[in-house]
Full PDB file with SEQRES, HELIX, SHEET, SSBOND, CRYST1, ORIGX, SCALE, CONECT and MASTER records, all heavy atoms in Angstrom:
SEQRES   1 A   41  MET ALA GLU ARG GLU ALA ALA ARG ARG SER LYS ASP TRP          
SEQRES   2 A   41  LYS ARG ALA ASP GLU LEU ARG GLU LYS ALA ALA ALA GLN          
SEQRES   3 A   41  GLY ILE VAL LEU GLU ASP GLY PRO GLN GLY THR THR TRP          
SEQRES   4 A   41  ARG PRO                                                      
HELIX    1 AA1 ALA A    2  ARG A    9  1                                   8    
HELIX    2 AA2 TRP A   13  ALA A   25  1                                  13    
SHEET    1 AA1 2 VAL A  29  GLY A  33  0                                        
SHEET    2 AA1 2 GLY A  36  ARG A  40 -1                                        
CRYST1    1.000    1.000    1.000  90.00  90.00  90.00 P 1           1          
ORIGX1      1.000000  0.000000  0.000000        0.00000                         
ORIGX2      0.000000  1.000000  0.000000        0.00000                         
ORIGX3      0.000000  0.000000  1.000000        0.00000                         
SCALE1      1.000000  0.000000  0.000000        0.00000                         
SCALE2      0.000000  1.000000  0.000000        0.00000                         
SCALE3      0.000000  0.000000  1.000000        0.00000                         
ATOM      1  N   MET A   1     -35.321 110.335 -67.089  1.00  0.00           N  
ATOM      2  CA  MET A   1     -35.011 110.458 -65.670  1.00  0.00           C  
ATOM      3  C   MET A   1     -33.479 110.632 -65.491  1.00  0.00           C  
ATOM      4  O   MET A   1     -33.043 111.379 -64.534  1.00  0.00           O  
ATOM      5  CB  MET A   1     -35.524 109.197 -64.998  1.00  0.00           C  
ATOM      6  CG  MET A   1     -36.993 109.223 -64.816  1.00  0.00           C  
ATOM      7  SD  MET A   1     -37.690 107.638 -64.213  1.00  0.00           S  
ATOM      8  CE  MET A   1     -36.818 107.279 -62.810  1.00  0.00           C  
ATOM      9  N   ALA A   2     -32.745 109.854 -66.333  1.00  0.00           N  
ATOM     10  CA  ALA A   2     -31.249 110.003 -66.209  1.00  0.00           C  
ATOM     11  C   ALA A   2     -30.759 111.361 -66.566  1.00  0.00           C  
ATOM     12  O   ALA A   2     -29.812 111.921 -65.878  1.00  0.00           O  
ATOM     13  CB  ALA A   2     -30.575 108.907 -67.115  1.00  0.00           C  
ATOM     14  N   GLU A   3     -31.352 111.938 -67.593  1.00  0.00           N  
ATOM     15  CA  GLU A   3     -30.998 113.254 -67.946  1.00  0.00           C  
ATOM     16  C   GLU A   3     -31.288 114.296 -66.881  1.00  0.00           C  
ATOM     17  O   GLU A   3     -30.557 115.184 -66.608  1.00  0.00           O  
ATOM     18  CB  GLU A   3     -31.723 113.695 -69.316  1.00  0.00           C  
ATOM     19  CG  GLU A   3     -31.217 115.038 -69.860  1.00  0.00           C  
ATOM     20  CD  GLU A   3     -31.908 115.322 -71.257  1.00  0.00           C  
ATOM     21  OE1 GLU A   3     -32.555 114.451 -71.835  1.00  0.00           O  
ATOM     22  OE2 GLU A   3     -31.764 116.524 -71.675  1.00  0.00           O  
ATOM     23  N   ARG A   4     -32.413 114.114 -66.240  1.00  0.00           N  
ATOM     24  CA  ARG A   4     -32.799 114.989 -65.217  1.00  0.00           C  
ATOM     25  C   ARG A   4     -31.928 114.866 -63.952  1.00  0.00           C  
ATOM     26  O   ARG A   4     -31.514 115.804 -63.353  1.00  0.00           O  
ATOM     27  CB  ARG A   4     -34.321 114.720 -64.753  1.00  0.00           C  
ATOM     28  CG  ARG A   4     -34.788 115.694 -63.754  1.00  0.00           C  
ATOM     29  CD  ARG A   4     -36.272 115.537 -63.554  1.00  0.00           C  
ATOM     30  NE  ARG A   4     -36.596 116.323 -62.389  1.00  0.00           N  
ATOM     31  CZ  ARG A   4     -36.591 115.894 -61.120  1.00  0.00           C  
ATOM     32  NH1 ARG A   4     -36.225 114.684 -60.798  1.00  0.00           N  
ATOM     33  NH2 ARG A   4     -36.883 116.794 -60.112  1.00  0.00           N  
ATOM     34  N   GLU A   5     -31.529 113.600 -63.683  1.00  0.00           N  
ATOM     35  CA  GLU A   5     -30.694 113.410 -62.521  1.00  0.00           C  
ATOM     36  C   GLU A   5     -29.295 114.049 -62.762  1.00  0.00           C  
ATOM     37  O   GLU A   5     -28.746 114.614 -61.855  1.00  0.00           O  
ATOM     38  CB  GLU A   5     -30.471 111.863 -62.313  1.00  0.00           C  
ATOM     39  CG  GLU A   5     -29.550 111.518 -61.163  1.00  0.00           C  
ATOM     40  CD  GLU A   5     -30.053 112.084 -59.832  1.00  0.00           C  
ATOM     41  OE1 GLU A   5     -31.283 112.250 -59.609  1.00  0.00           O  
ATOM     42  OE2 GLU A   5     -29.110 112.370 -58.977  1.00  0.00           O  
ATOM     43  N   ALA A   6     -28.781 113.994 -64.075  1.00  0.00           N  
ATOM     44  CA  ALA A   6     -27.599 114.568 -64.360  1.00  0.00           C  
ATOM     45  C   ALA A   6     -27.678 116.120 -64.259  1.00  0.00           C  
ATOM     46  O   ALA A   6     -26.760 116.784 -63.729  1.00  0.00           O  
ATOM     47  CB  ALA A   6     -27.147 114.263 -65.792  1.00  0.00           C  
ATOM     48  N   ALA A   7     -28.790 116.698 -64.620  1.00  0.00           N  
ATOM     49  CA  ALA A   7     -29.017 118.073 -64.467  1.00  0.00           C  
ATOM     50  C   ALA A   7     -29.078 118.517 -62.936  1.00  0.00           C  
ATOM     51  O   ALA A   7     -28.456 119.507 -62.574  1.00  0.00           O  
ATOM     52  CB  ALA A   7     -30.306 118.483 -65.093  1.00  0.00           C  
ATOM     53  N   ARG A   8     -29.706 117.665 -62.149  1.00  0.00           N  
ATOM     54  CA  ARG A   8     -29.756 117.940 -60.744  1.00  0.00           C  
ATOM     55  C   ARG A   8     -28.379 117.832 -60.121  1.00  0.00           C  
ATOM     56  O   ARG A   8     -28.064 118.665 -59.173  1.00  0.00           O  
ATOM     57  CB  ARG A   8     -30.736 116.969 -60.075  1.00  0.00           C  
ATOM     58  CG  ARG A   8     -32.162 117.229 -60.395  1.00  0.00           C  
ATOM     59  CD  ARG A   8     -33.074 116.305 -59.782  1.00  0.00           C  
ATOM     60  NE  ARG A   8     -33.126 116.600 -58.337  1.00  0.00           N  
ATOM     61  CZ  ARG A   8     -33.281 115.836 -57.270  1.00  0.00           C  
ATOM     62  NH1 ARG A   8     -33.482 114.554 -57.539  1.00  0.00           N  
ATOM     63  NH2 ARG A   8     -33.277 116.217 -56.018  1.00  0.00           N  
ATOM     64  N   ARG A   9     -27.612 116.835 -60.499  1.00  0.00           N  
ATOM     65  CA  ARG A   9     -26.201 116.667 -59.856  1.00  0.00           C  
ATOM     66  C   ARG A   9     -25.361 117.958 -60.278  1.00  0.00           C  
ATOM     67  O   ARG A   9     -24.595 118.373 -59.349  1.00  0.00           O  
ATOM     68  CB  ARG A   9     -25.614 115.459 -60.473  1.00  0.00           C  
ATOM     69  CG  ARG A   9     -25.803 114.226 -59.655  1.00  0.00           C  
ATOM     70  CD  ARG A   9     -24.858 113.130 -60.002  1.00  0.00           C  
ATOM     71  NE  ARG A   9     -24.796 112.817 -61.341  1.00  0.00           N  
ATOM     72  CZ  ARG A   9     -25.485 111.885 -62.056  1.00  0.00           C  
ATOM     73  NH1 ARG A   9     -26.485 111.252 -61.450  1.00  0.00           N  
ATOM     74  NH2 ARG A   9     -25.324 111.748 -63.323  1.00  0.00           N  
ATOM     75  N   SER A  10     -25.633 118.543 -61.457  1.00  0.00           N  
ATOM     76  CA  SER A  10     -24.806 119.684 -61.803  1.00  0.00           C  
ATOM     77  C   SER A  10     -25.511 121.014 -61.313  1.00  0.00           C  
ATOM     78  O   SER A  10     -25.065 122.075 -61.701  1.00  0.00           O  
ATOM     79  CB  SER A  10     -24.566 119.692 -63.337  1.00  0.00           C  
ATOM     80  OG  SER A  10     -25.800 119.906 -64.039  1.00  0.00           O  
ATOM     81  N   LYS A  11     -26.533 120.864 -60.618  1.00  0.00           N  
ATOM     82  CA  LYS A  11     -27.334 122.013 -60.123  1.00  0.00           C  
ATOM     83  C   LYS A  11     -27.938 122.853 -61.162  1.00  0.00           C  
ATOM     84  O   LYS A  11     -27.975 124.069 -60.961  1.00  0.00           O  
ATOM     85  CB  LYS A  11     -26.473 122.815 -59.037  1.00  0.00           C  
ATOM     86  CG  LYS A  11     -25.971 121.905 -57.849  1.00  0.00           C  
ATOM     87  CD  LYS A  11     -25.320 122.825 -56.854  1.00  0.00           C  
ATOM     88  CE  LYS A  11     -24.655 121.943 -55.775  1.00  0.00           C  
ATOM     89  NZ  LYS A  11     -25.448 121.208 -54.910  1.00  0.00           N  
ATOM     90  N   ASP A  12     -28.230 122.283 -62.307  1.00  0.00           N  
ATOM     91  CA  ASP A  12     -28.961 122.956 -63.329  1.00  0.00           C  
ATOM     92  C   ASP A  12     -30.458 122.806 -63.117  1.00  0.00           C  
ATOM     93  O   ASP A  12     -31.114 122.018 -63.723  1.00  0.00           O  
ATOM     94  CB  ASP A  12     -28.514 122.382 -64.720  1.00  0.00           C  
ATOM     95  CG  ASP A  12     -29.090 123.156 -65.808  1.00  0.00           C  
ATOM     96  OD1 ASP A  12     -29.930 124.118 -65.608  1.00  0.00           O  
ATOM     97  OD2 ASP A  12     -28.689 122.857 -67.060  1.00  0.00           O  
ATOM     98  N   TRP A  13     -30.985 123.578 -62.098  1.00  0.00           N  
ATOM     99  CA  TRP A  13     -32.267 123.423 -61.601  1.00  0.00           C  
ATOM    100  C   TRP A  13     -33.332 123.724 -62.753  1.00  0.00           C  
ATOM    101  O   TRP A  13     -34.357 123.103 -62.826  1.00  0.00           O  
ATOM    102  CB  TRP A  13     -32.528 124.274 -60.400  1.00  0.00           C  
ATOM    103  CG  TRP A  13     -31.544 124.058 -59.289  1.00  0.00           C  
ATOM    104  CD1 TRP A  13     -30.748 124.945 -58.771  1.00  0.00           C  
ATOM    105  CD2 TRP A  13     -31.178 122.736 -58.703  1.00  0.00           C  
ATOM    106  NE1 TRP A  13     -29.959 124.435 -57.815  1.00  0.00           N  
ATOM    107  CE2 TRP A  13     -30.186 123.075 -57.747  1.00  0.00           C  
ATOM    108  CE3 TRP A  13     -31.709 121.461 -58.848  1.00  0.00           C  
ATOM    109  CZ2 TRP A  13     -29.632 122.006 -57.044  1.00  0.00           C  
ATOM    110  CZ3 TRP A  13     -31.176 120.463 -58.083  1.00  0.00           C  
ATOM    111  CH2 TRP A  13     -30.076 120.769 -57.125  1.00  0.00           C  
ATOM    112  N   LYS A  14     -32.970 124.720 -63.591  1.00  0.00           N  
ATOM    113  CA  LYS A  14     -33.924 125.102 -64.613  1.00  0.00           C  
ATOM    114  C   LYS A  14     -34.129 123.972 -65.671  1.00  0.00           C  
ATOM    115  O   LYS A  14     -35.248 123.631 -65.925  1.00  0.00           O  
ATOM    116  CB  LYS A  14     -33.343 126.315 -65.494  1.00  0.00           C  
ATOM    117  CG  LYS A  14     -34.213 126.830 -66.607  1.00  0.00           C  
ATOM    118  CD  LYS A  14     -33.710 128.041 -67.249  1.00  0.00           C  
ATOM    119  CE  LYS A  14     -34.620 128.356 -68.434  1.00  0.00           C  
ATOM    120  NZ  LYS A  14     -34.022 129.350 -69.289  1.00  0.00           N  
ATOM    121  N   ARG A  15     -33.004 123.291 -66.017  1.00  0.00           N  
ATOM    122  CA  ARG A  15     -33.128 122.102 -66.972  1.00  0.00           C  
ATOM    123  C   ARG A  15     -33.865 120.967 -66.193  1.00  0.00           C  
ATOM    124  O   ARG A  15     -34.689 120.254 -66.923  1.00  0.00           O  
ATOM    125  CB  ARG A  15     -31.713 121.723 -67.433  1.00  0.00           C  
ATOM    126  CG  ARG A  15     -31.728 120.559 -68.307  1.00  0.00           C  
ATOM    127  CD  ARG A  15     -32.415 120.879 -69.649  1.00  0.00           C  
ATOM    128  NE  ARG A  15     -32.431 119.682 -70.469  1.00  0.00           N  
ATOM    129  CZ  ARG A  15     -33.304 119.473 -71.368  1.00  0.00           C  
ATOM    130  NH1 ARG A  15     -34.370 120.196 -71.504  1.00  0.00           N  
ATOM    131  NH2 ARG A  15     -33.240 118.299 -72.090  1.00  0.00           N  
ATOM    132  N   ALA A  16     -33.655 120.763 -64.957  1.00  0.00           N  
ATOM    133  CA  ALA A  16     -34.276 119.651 -64.257  1.00  0.00           C  
ATOM    134  C   ALA A  16     -35.815 119.976 -64.191  1.00  0.00           C  
ATOM    135  O   ALA A  16     -36.632 119.016 -64.380  1.00  0.00           O  
ATOM    136  CB  ALA A  16     -33.649 119.516 -62.859  1.00  0.00           C  
ATOM    137  N   ASP A  17     -36.204 121.127 -63.984  1.00  0.00           N  
ATOM    138  CA  ASP A  17     -37.565 121.547 -63.992  1.00  0.00           C  
ATOM    139  C   ASP A  17     -38.191 121.307 -65.278  1.00  0.00           C  
ATOM    140  O   ASP A  17     -39.322 120.873 -65.445  1.00  0.00           O  
ATOM    141  CB  ASP A  17     -37.787 122.952 -63.448  1.00  0.00           C  
ATOM    142  CG  ASP A  17     -37.547 123.065 -61.992  1.00  0.00           C  
ATOM    143  OD1 ASP A  17     -37.462 122.049 -61.253  1.00  0.00           O  
ATOM    144  OD2 ASP A  17     -37.401 124.284 -61.613  1.00  0.00           O  
ATOM    145  N   GLU A  18     -37.452 121.664 -66.472  1.00  0.00           N  
ATOM    146  CA  GLU A  18     -37.943 121.596 -67.797  1.00  0.00           C  
ATOM    147  C   GLU A  18     -38.216 120.073 -68.015  1.00  0.00           C  
ATOM    148  O   GLU A  18     -39.188 119.682 -68.724  1.00  0.00           O  
ATOM    149  CB  GLU A  18     -36.960 122.063 -68.797  1.00  0.00           C  
ATOM    150  CG  GLU A  18     -36.883 123.575 -68.846  1.00  0.00           C  
ATOM    151  CD  GLU A  18     -35.716 124.063 -69.651  1.00  0.00           C  
ATOM    152  OE1 GLU A  18     -34.910 123.285 -70.094  1.00  0.00           O  
ATOM    153  OE2 GLU A  18     -35.545 125.324 -69.701  1.00  0.00           O  
ATOM    154  N   LEU A  19     -37.245 119.196 -67.625  1.00  0.00           N  
ATOM    155  CA  LEU A  19     -37.573 117.799 -67.858  1.00  0.00           C  
ATOM    156  C   LEU A  19     -38.702 117.180 -67.064  1.00  0.00           C  
ATOM    157  O   LEU A  19     -39.443 116.341 -67.523  1.00  0.00           O  
ATOM    158  CB  LEU A  19     -36.171 117.023 -67.557  1.00  0.00           C  
ATOM    159  CG  LEU A  19     -35.040 117.335 -68.503  1.00  0.00           C  
ATOM    160  CD1 LEU A  19     -33.737 116.844 -67.942  1.00  0.00           C  
ATOM    161  CD2 LEU A  19     -35.285 116.812 -69.771  1.00  0.00           C  
ATOM    162  N   ARG A  20     -38.863 117.698 -65.841  1.00  0.00           N  
ATOM    163  CA  ARG A  20     -40.045 117.306 -65.070  1.00  0.00           C  
ATOM    164  C   ARG A  20     -41.348 117.729 -65.784  1.00  0.00           C  
ATOM    165  O   ARG A  20     -42.304 116.949 -65.892  1.00  0.00           O  
ATOM    166  CB  ARG A  20     -40.009 117.816 -63.639  1.00  0.00           C  
ATOM    167  CG  ARG A  20     -41.129 117.456 -62.765  1.00  0.00           C  
ATOM    168  CD  ARG A  20     -41.157 118.130 -61.469  1.00  0.00           C  
ATOM    169  NE  ARG A  20     -40.143 117.872 -60.564  1.00  0.00           N  
ATOM    170  CZ  ARG A  20     -40.066 116.868 -59.704  1.00  0.00           C  
ATOM    171  NH1 ARG A  20     -41.160 116.055 -59.538  1.00  0.00           N  
ATOM    172  NH2 ARG A  20     -39.005 116.705 -58.892  1.00  0.00           N  
ATOM    173  N   GLU A  21     -41.405 118.978 -66.343  1.00  0.00           N  
ATOM    174  CA  GLU A  21     -42.530 119.402 -66.971  1.00  0.00           C  
ATOM    175  C   GLU A  21     -42.739 118.597 -68.294  1.00  0.00           C  
ATOM    176  O   GLU A  21     -43.863 118.346 -68.654  1.00  0.00           O  
ATOM    177  CB  GLU A  21     -42.332 120.871 -67.398  1.00  0.00           C  
ATOM    178  CG  GLU A  21     -42.479 121.769 -66.076  1.00  0.00           C  
ATOM    179  CD  GLU A  21     -42.015 123.225 -66.387  1.00  0.00           C  
ATOM    180  OE1 GLU A  21     -41.960 123.646 -67.546  1.00  0.00           O  
ATOM    181  OE2 GLU A  21     -41.826 123.910 -65.350  1.00  0.00           O  
ATOM    182  N   LYS A  22     -41.632 118.209 -68.992  1.00  0.00           N  
ATOM    183  CA  LYS A  22     -41.822 117.406 -70.165  1.00  0.00           C  
ATOM    184  C   LYS A  22     -42.508 116.090 -69.829  1.00  0.00           C  
ATOM    185  O   LYS A  22     -43.340 115.559 -70.509  1.00  0.00           O  
ATOM    186  CB  LYS A  22     -40.425 117.169 -70.777  1.00  0.00           C  
ATOM    187  CG  LYS A  22     -40.443 116.248 -72.121  1.00  0.00           C  
ATOM    188  CD  LYS A  22     -39.018 116.110 -72.631  1.00  0.00           C  
ATOM    189  CE  LYS A  22     -39.100 115.253 -73.817  1.00  0.00           C  
ATOM    190  NZ  LYS A  22     -37.731 115.089 -74.431  1.00  0.00           N  
ATOM    191  N   ALA A  23     -42.067 115.472 -68.743  1.00  0.00           N  
ATOM    192  CA  ALA A  23     -42.718 114.248 -68.255  1.00  0.00           C  
ATOM    193  C   ALA A  23     -44.148 114.429 -67.969  1.00  0.00           C  
ATOM    194  O   ALA A  23     -44.994 113.689 -68.317  1.00  0.00           O  
ATOM    195  CB  ALA A  23     -41.896 113.657 -67.116  1.00  0.00           C  
ATOM    196  N   ALA A  24     -44.462 115.559 -67.239  1.00  0.00           N  
ATOM    197  CA  ALA A  24     -45.803 115.864 -66.834  1.00  0.00           C  
ATOM    198  C   ALA A  24     -46.656 116.000 -68.080  1.00  0.00           C  
ATOM    199  O   ALA A  24     -47.840 115.608 -68.089  1.00  0.00           O  
ATOM    200  CB  ALA A  24     -45.872 117.041 -65.944  1.00  0.00           C  
ATOM    201  N   ALA A  25     -46.187 116.580 -69.158  1.00  0.00           N  
ATOM    202  CA  ALA A  25     -46.958 116.740 -70.416  1.00  0.00           C  
ATOM    203  C   ALA A  25     -47.290 115.370 -71.030  1.00  0.00           C  
ATOM    204  O   ALA A  25     -48.250 115.329 -71.832  1.00  0.00           O  
ATOM    205  CB  ALA A  25     -46.166 117.698 -71.368  1.00  0.00           C  
ATOM    206  N   GLN A  26     -46.486 114.415 -70.699  1.00  0.00           N  
ATOM    207  CA  GLN A  26     -46.705 113.054 -71.228  1.00  0.00           C  
ATOM    208  C   GLN A  26     -47.572 112.255 -70.228  1.00  0.00           C  
ATOM    209  O   GLN A  26     -47.761 111.024 -70.428  1.00  0.00           O  
ATOM    210  CB  GLN A  26     -45.420 112.332 -71.530  1.00  0.00           C  
ATOM    211  CG  GLN A  26     -44.627 113.028 -72.588  1.00  0.00           C  
ATOM    212  CD  GLN A  26     -43.262 112.372 -72.794  1.00  0.00           C  
ATOM    213  OE1 GLN A  26     -42.749 111.623 -71.948  1.00  0.00           O  
ATOM    214  NE2 GLN A  26     -42.608 112.629 -73.918  1.00  0.00           N  
ATOM    215  N   GLY A  27     -48.051 112.864 -69.174  1.00  0.00           N  
ATOM    216  CA  GLY A  27     -48.890 112.191 -68.182  1.00  0.00           C  
ATOM    217  C   GLY A  27     -48.076 111.442 -67.120  1.00  0.00           C  
ATOM    218  O   GLY A  27     -48.599 110.430 -66.566  1.00  0.00           O  
ATOM    219  N   ILE A  28     -46.846 111.891 -66.898  1.00  0.00           N  
ATOM    220  CA  ILE A  28     -45.979 111.016 -65.959  1.00  0.00           C  
ATOM    221  C   ILE A  28     -45.557 112.037 -64.829  1.00  0.00           C  
ATOM    222  O   ILE A  28     -45.108 113.072 -65.084  1.00  0.00           O  
ATOM    223  CB  ILE A  28     -44.729 110.516 -66.708  1.00  0.00           C  
ATOM    224  CG1 ILE A  28     -45.215 109.500 -67.733  1.00  0.00           C  
ATOM    225  CG2 ILE A  28     -43.659 109.949 -65.816  1.00  0.00           C  
ATOM    226  CD1 ILE A  28     -44.205 109.048 -68.707  1.00  0.00           C  
ATOM    227  N   VAL A  29     -45.541 111.540 -63.645  1.00  0.00           N  
ATOM    228  CA  VAL A  29     -45.138 112.252 -62.432  1.00  0.00           C  
ATOM    229  C   VAL A  29     -43.718 111.691 -62.065  1.00  0.00           C  
ATOM    230  O   VAL A  29     -43.636 110.433 -61.825  1.00  0.00           O  
ATOM    231  CB  VAL A  29     -46.079 112.121 -61.318  1.00  0.00           C  
ATOM    232  CG1 VAL A  29     -45.600 112.838 -60.055  1.00  0.00           C  
ATOM    233  CG2 VAL A  29     -47.469 112.692 -61.581  1.00  0.00           C  
ATOM    234  N   LEU A  30     -42.724 112.488 -61.953  1.00  0.00           N  
ATOM    235  CA  LEU A  30     -41.480 112.068 -61.409  1.00  0.00           C  
ATOM    236  C   LEU A  30     -41.365 112.430 -59.925  1.00  0.00           C  
ATOM    237  O   LEU A  30     -41.708 113.619 -59.585  1.00  0.00           O  
ATOM    238  CB  LEU A  30     -40.299 112.821 -62.220  1.00  0.00           C  
ATOM    239  CG  LEU A  30     -40.232 112.610 -63.735  1.00  0.00           C  
ATOM    240  CD1 LEU A  30     -39.047 113.365 -64.272  1.00  0.00           C  
ATOM    241  CD2 LEU A  30     -40.082 111.124 -63.988  1.00  0.00           C  
ATOM    242  N   GLU A  31     -40.970 111.445 -59.175  1.00  0.00           N  
ATOM    243  CA  GLU A  31     -40.911 111.683 -57.701  1.00  0.00           C  
ATOM    244  C   GLU A  31     -39.522 111.377 -57.229  1.00  0.00           C  
ATOM    245  O   GLU A  31     -38.946 110.306 -57.418  1.00  0.00           O  
ATOM    246  CB  GLU A  31     -41.945 110.786 -57.019  1.00  0.00           C  
ATOM    247  CG  GLU A  31     -43.397 110.986 -57.376  1.00  0.00           C  
ATOM    248  CD  GLU A  31     -44.423 110.019 -56.803  1.00  0.00           C  
ATOM    249  OE1 GLU A  31     -44.031 108.904 -56.560  1.00  0.00           O  
ATOM    250  OE2 GLU A  31     -45.532 110.545 -56.535  1.00  0.00           O  
ATOM    251  N   ASP A  32     -38.973 112.332 -56.533  1.00  0.00           N  
ATOM    252  CA  ASP A  32     -37.600 112.147 -55.996  1.00  0.00           C  
ATOM    253  C   ASP A  32     -37.742 111.707 -54.552  1.00  0.00           C  
ATOM    254  O   ASP A  32     -38.538 112.113 -53.770  1.00  0.00           O  
ATOM    255  CB  ASP A  32     -36.911 113.513 -55.940  1.00  0.00           C  
ATOM    256  CG  ASP A  32     -36.814 114.145 -57.399  1.00  0.00           C  
ATOM    257  OD1 ASP A  32     -36.466 113.300 -58.264  1.00  0.00           O  
ATOM    258  OD2 ASP A  32     -36.960 115.352 -57.523  1.00  0.00           O  
ATOM    259  N   GLY A  33     -36.862 110.769 -54.213  1.00  0.00           N  
ATOM    260  CA  GLY A  33     -36.817 110.198 -52.860  1.00  0.00           C  
ATOM    261  C   GLY A  33     -35.436 109.742 -52.463  1.00  0.00           C  
ATOM    262  O   GLY A  33     -34.548 109.917 -53.191  1.00  0.00           O  
ATOM    263  N   PRO A  34     -35.280 109.219 -51.317  1.00  0.00           N  
ATOM    264  CA  PRO A  34     -33.944 108.850 -50.777  1.00  0.00           C  
ATOM    265  C   PRO A  34     -33.286 107.799 -51.697  1.00  0.00           C  
ATOM    266  O   PRO A  34     -32.060 107.804 -51.821  1.00  0.00           O  
ATOM    267  CB  PRO A  34     -34.293 108.242 -49.364  1.00  0.00           C  
ATOM    268  CG  PRO A  34     -35.636 108.685 -49.072  1.00  0.00           C  
ATOM    269  CD  PRO A  34     -36.358 109.035 -50.326  1.00  0.00           C  
ATOM    270  N   GLN A  35     -34.125 106.949 -52.363  1.00  0.00           N  
ATOM    271  CA  GLN A  35     -33.585 105.901 -53.164  1.00  0.00           C  
ATOM    272  C   GLN A  35     -33.383 106.377 -54.674  1.00  0.00           C  
ATOM    273  O   GLN A  35     -33.070 105.599 -55.576  1.00  0.00           O  
ATOM    274  CB  GLN A  35     -34.469 104.746 -53.244  1.00  0.00           C  
ATOM    275  CG  GLN A  35     -34.877 104.141 -51.899  1.00  0.00           C  
ATOM    276  CD  GLN A  35     -33.716 104.018 -50.903  1.00  0.00           C  
ATOM    277  OE1 GLN A  35     -33.622 104.867 -50.068  1.00  0.00           O  
ATOM    278  NE2 GLN A  35     -32.936 102.995 -50.995  1.00  0.00           N  
ATOM    279  N   GLY A  36     -33.658 107.619 -54.949  1.00  0.00           N  
ATOM    280  CA  GLY A  36     -33.525 108.213 -56.236  1.00  0.00           C  
ATOM    281  C   GLY A  36     -34.891 108.581 -56.813  1.00  0.00           C  
ATOM    282  O   GLY A  36     -35.872 108.711 -56.093  1.00  0.00           O  
ATOM    283  N   THR A  37     -34.934 108.738 -58.084  1.00  0.00           N  
ATOM    284  CA  THR A  37     -36.125 109.259 -58.768  1.00  0.00           C  
ATOM    285  C   THR A  37     -36.920 107.992 -59.362  1.00  0.00           C  
ATOM    286  O   THR A  37     -36.362 107.115 -59.847  1.00  0.00           O  
ATOM    287  CB  THR A  37     -35.879 110.251 -59.906  1.00  0.00           C  
ATOM    288  OG1 THR A  37     -35.124 111.266 -59.407  1.00  0.00           O  
ATOM    289  CG2 THR A  37     -37.036 110.709 -60.596  1.00  0.00           C  
ATOM    290  N   THR A  38     -38.210 108.071 -59.082  1.00  0.00           N  
ATOM    291  CA  THR A  38     -39.176 107.107 -59.560  1.00  0.00           C  
ATOM    292  C   THR A  38     -40.283 107.819 -60.481  1.00  0.00           C  
ATOM    293  O   THR A  38     -40.338 109.106 -60.392  1.00  0.00           O  
ATOM    294  CB  THR A  38     -39.789 106.277 -58.507  1.00  0.00           C  
ATOM    295  OG1 THR A  38     -40.564 107.111 -57.641  1.00  0.00           O  
ATOM    296  CG2 THR A  38     -38.731 105.468 -57.729  1.00  0.00           C  
ATOM    297  N   TRP A  39     -40.971 107.040 -61.144  1.00  0.00           N  
ATOM    298  CA  TRP A  39     -42.094 107.634 -61.919  1.00  0.00           C  
ATOM    299  C   TRP A  39     -43.455 106.819 -61.664  1.00  0.00           C  
ATOM    300  O   TRP A  39     -43.393 105.735 -61.286  1.00  0.00           O  
ATOM    301  CB  TRP A  39     -41.811 107.769 -63.362  1.00  0.00           C  
ATOM    302  CG  TRP A  39     -41.760 106.459 -64.118  1.00  0.00           C  
ATOM    303  CD1 TRP A  39     -40.764 105.583 -64.305  1.00  0.00           C  
ATOM    304  CD2 TRP A  39     -42.888 105.893 -64.797  1.00  0.00           C  
ATOM    305  NE1 TRP A  39     -41.111 104.584 -65.013  1.00  0.00           N  
ATOM    306  CE2 TRP A  39     -42.426 104.618 -65.384  1.00  0.00           C  
ATOM    307  CE3 TRP A  39     -44.222 106.340 -64.992  1.00  0.00           C  
ATOM    308  CZ2 TRP A  39     -43.269 103.837 -66.105  1.00  0.00           C  
ATOM    309  CZ3 TRP A  39     -45.019 105.429 -65.724  1.00  0.00           C  
ATOM    310  CH2 TRP A  39     -44.541 104.263 -66.309  1.00  0.00           C  
ATOM    311  N   ARG A  40     -44.575 107.614 -61.953  1.00  0.00           N  
ATOM    312  CA  ARG A  40     -45.821 106.963 -61.921  1.00  0.00           C  
ATOM    313  C   ARG A  40     -46.727 107.766 -62.806  1.00  0.00           C  
ATOM    314  O   ARG A  40     -46.490 108.854 -63.158  1.00  0.00           O  
ATOM    315  CB  ARG A  40     -46.389 106.963 -60.501  1.00  0.00           C  
ATOM    316  CG  ARG A  40     -46.654 108.339 -59.895  1.00  0.00           C  
ATOM    317  CD  ARG A  40     -47.364 108.320 -58.558  1.00  0.00           C  
ATOM    318  NE  ARG A  40     -47.528 109.604 -58.023  1.00  0.00           N  
ATOM    319  CZ  ARG A  40     -48.345 110.478 -58.339  1.00  0.00           C  
ATOM    320  NH1 ARG A  40     -49.327 110.236 -59.257  1.00  0.00           N  
ATOM    321  NH2 ARG A  40     -48.493 111.708 -57.795  1.00  0.00           N  
ATOM    322  N   PRO A  41     -47.795 107.158 -63.321  1.00  0.00           N  
ATOM    323  CA  PRO A  41     -48.768 107.812 -64.127  1.00  0.00           C  
ATOM    324  C   PRO A  41     -49.486 108.940 -63.223  1.00  0.00           C  
ATOM    325  O   PRO A  41     -49.559 108.804 -62.071  1.00  0.00           O  
ATOM    326  CB  PRO A  41     -49.802 106.716 -64.434  1.00  0.00           C  
ATOM    327  CG  PRO A  41     -49.100 105.422 -64.242  1.00  0.00           C  
ATOM    328  CD  PRO A  41     -48.121 105.697 -63.164  1.00  0.00           C  
TER     329      PRO A  41                                                      
MASTER        0    0    0    2    2    0    0    6  328    1    0    4          
END                                                                             
C-alpha cells in the first residue's frame, strides 16, 4: 500500500495499477478514500 501510494503521489499510474493488480491476485481489494488507502479481502 505504501509503495502504491508513493507511485500515485508521483503520478506513476501504470505502477499504481500494477500494485493494485498484485494485491488483487492475492485476494485483496485496495480501496482509495478521503482518509487514504485501505484494504479488504
